[in-house]
């Protein structure tokens, strides 16, 4: 069953390749949705897919790419919007 979560990633997550990192990982896991920078310095990730794959993505979000420093990950379950792909939003 397809599930959806909205994540907010806090810390040093902009200017470190975080969006592209999430994009590559989401594609490889078969997850749909988007990743985008927020004006307050956080990164937002909408992720839809199988629960097992979403759990894998959550672990990836907590770590981030090499130059990132994630201090907090907020997660909110949402109703799936049936995205057809995963995109970097601007």
Protein backbone atom coordinates (compact mmCIF):
# COMPACT_ATOMS: atom_id res chain seq x y z
CA UNK A 1 0.00 0.00 0.00
CA UNK A 2 1.32 3.41 -0.96
CA UNK A 3 2.00 5.78 1.91
CA UNK A 4 3.09 9.41 1.95
CA UNK A 5 5.13 11.49 4.37
CA UNK A 6 6.12 15.12 4.47
CA UNK A 7 9.57 15.55 6.01
CA UNK A 8 11.28 18.71 7.18
CA UNK A 9 15.04 18.38 7.51
CA UNK A 10 16.82 20.89 9.75
CA UNK A 11 20.50 21.70 10.19
CA UNK A 12 23.21 22.46 7.64
CA UNK A 13 21.20 21.12 4.71
CA UNK A 14 21.39 23.87 2.09
CA UNK A 15 24.44 24.54 -0.06
CA UNK A 16 25.77 21.01 0.54
CA UNK A 17 24.12 19.08 -2.32
CA UNK A 18 21.28 17.81 -0.14
CA UNK A 19 18.52 18.09 -2.76
CA UNK A 20 20.46 16.22 -5.44
CA UNK A 21 21.52 13.60 -2.87
CA UNK A 22 17.86 13.01 -1.89
CA UNK A 23 16.79 13.01 -5.55
CA UNK A 24 19.25 10.24 -6.46
CA UNK A 25 18.33 8.13 -3.42
CA UNK A 26 14.57 8.55 -3.95
CA UNK A 27 14.84 7.54 -7.61
CA UNK A 28 16.86 4.45 -6.71
CA UNK A 29 14.25 3.45 -4.09
CA UNK A 30 11.27 3.99 -6.40
CA UNK A 31 9.89 6.86 -4.33
CA UNK A 32 7.73 9.63 -5.78
CA UNK A 33 7.37 13.26 -4.74
CA UNK A 34 9.78 16.18 -4.46
CA UNK A 35 12.59 17.81 -2.50
CA UNK A 36 12.98 21.57 -2.13
CA UNK A 37 14.81 24.21 -0.12
CA UNK A 38 12.73 26.37 2.21
CA UNK A 39 13.40 30.04 2.86
CA UNK A 40 14.20 29.38 6.53
CA UNK A 41 17.16 27.10 5.63
CA UNK A 42 15.34 23.77 6.02
CA UNK A 43 14.74 21.21 3.28
CA UNK A 44 11.27 19.80 2.63
CA UNK A 45 10.75 16.32 1.22
CA UNK A 46 7.41 14.91 0.08
CA UNK A 47 7.85 11.16 -0.32
CA UNK A 48 5.35 8.56 -1.51
CA UNK A 49 5.91 4.86 -1.92
CA UNK A 50 5.99 1.52 -0.18
CA UNK A 51 6.47 1.75 3.58
CA UNK A 52 9.69 -0.30 3.54
CA UNK A 53 11.27 2.04 0.97
CA UNK A 54 10.09 5.11 2.88
CA UNK A 55 11.75 3.75 6.02
CA UNK A 56 15.01 3.43 4.05
CA UNK A 57 14.68 7.00 2.79
CA UNK A 58 14.06 8.25 6.33
CA UNK A 59 17.39 6.77 7.48
CA UNK A 60 19.07 8.47 4.51
CA UNK A 61 17.46 11.82 5.36
CA UNK A 62 18.72 11.60 8.95
CA UNK A 63 22.29 11.27 7.70
CA UNK A 64 22.37 13.38 4.51
CA UNK A 65 25.37 13.81 2.22
CA UNK A 66 28.93 14.15 3.52
CA UNK A 67 28.92 17.94 3.97
CA UNK A 68 25.47 18.09 5.59
CA UNK A 69 24.77 18.11 9.32
CA UNK A 70 21.19 17.09 10.09
CA UNK A 71 20.08 18.25 13.54
CA UNK A 72 16.38 17.35 13.35
CA UNK A 73 14.00 15.44 11.10
CA UNK A 74 10.28 16.15 11.40
CA UNK A 75 7.81 13.72 9.84
CA UNK A 76 4.09 14.04 9.14
CA UNK A 77 1.98 11.36 7.48
CA UNK A 78 -0.09 12.64 4.56
CA UNK A 79 -2.60 11.32 2.06
CA UNK A 80 -0.79 10.16 -1.11
CA UNK A 81 -1.11 12.59 -4.02
CA UNK A 82 -0.06 9.99 -6.62
CA UNK A 83 3.03 11.76 -7.91
CA UNK A 84 4.33 10.15 -11.11
CA UNK A 85 8.04 10.86 -10.49
CA UNK A 86 10.46 12.48 -8.06
CA UNK A 87 11.64 16.04 -8.73
CA UNK A 88 13.84 18.75 -7.34
CA UNK A 89 11.54 21.74 -6.83
CA UNK A 90 12.66 25.35 -6.80
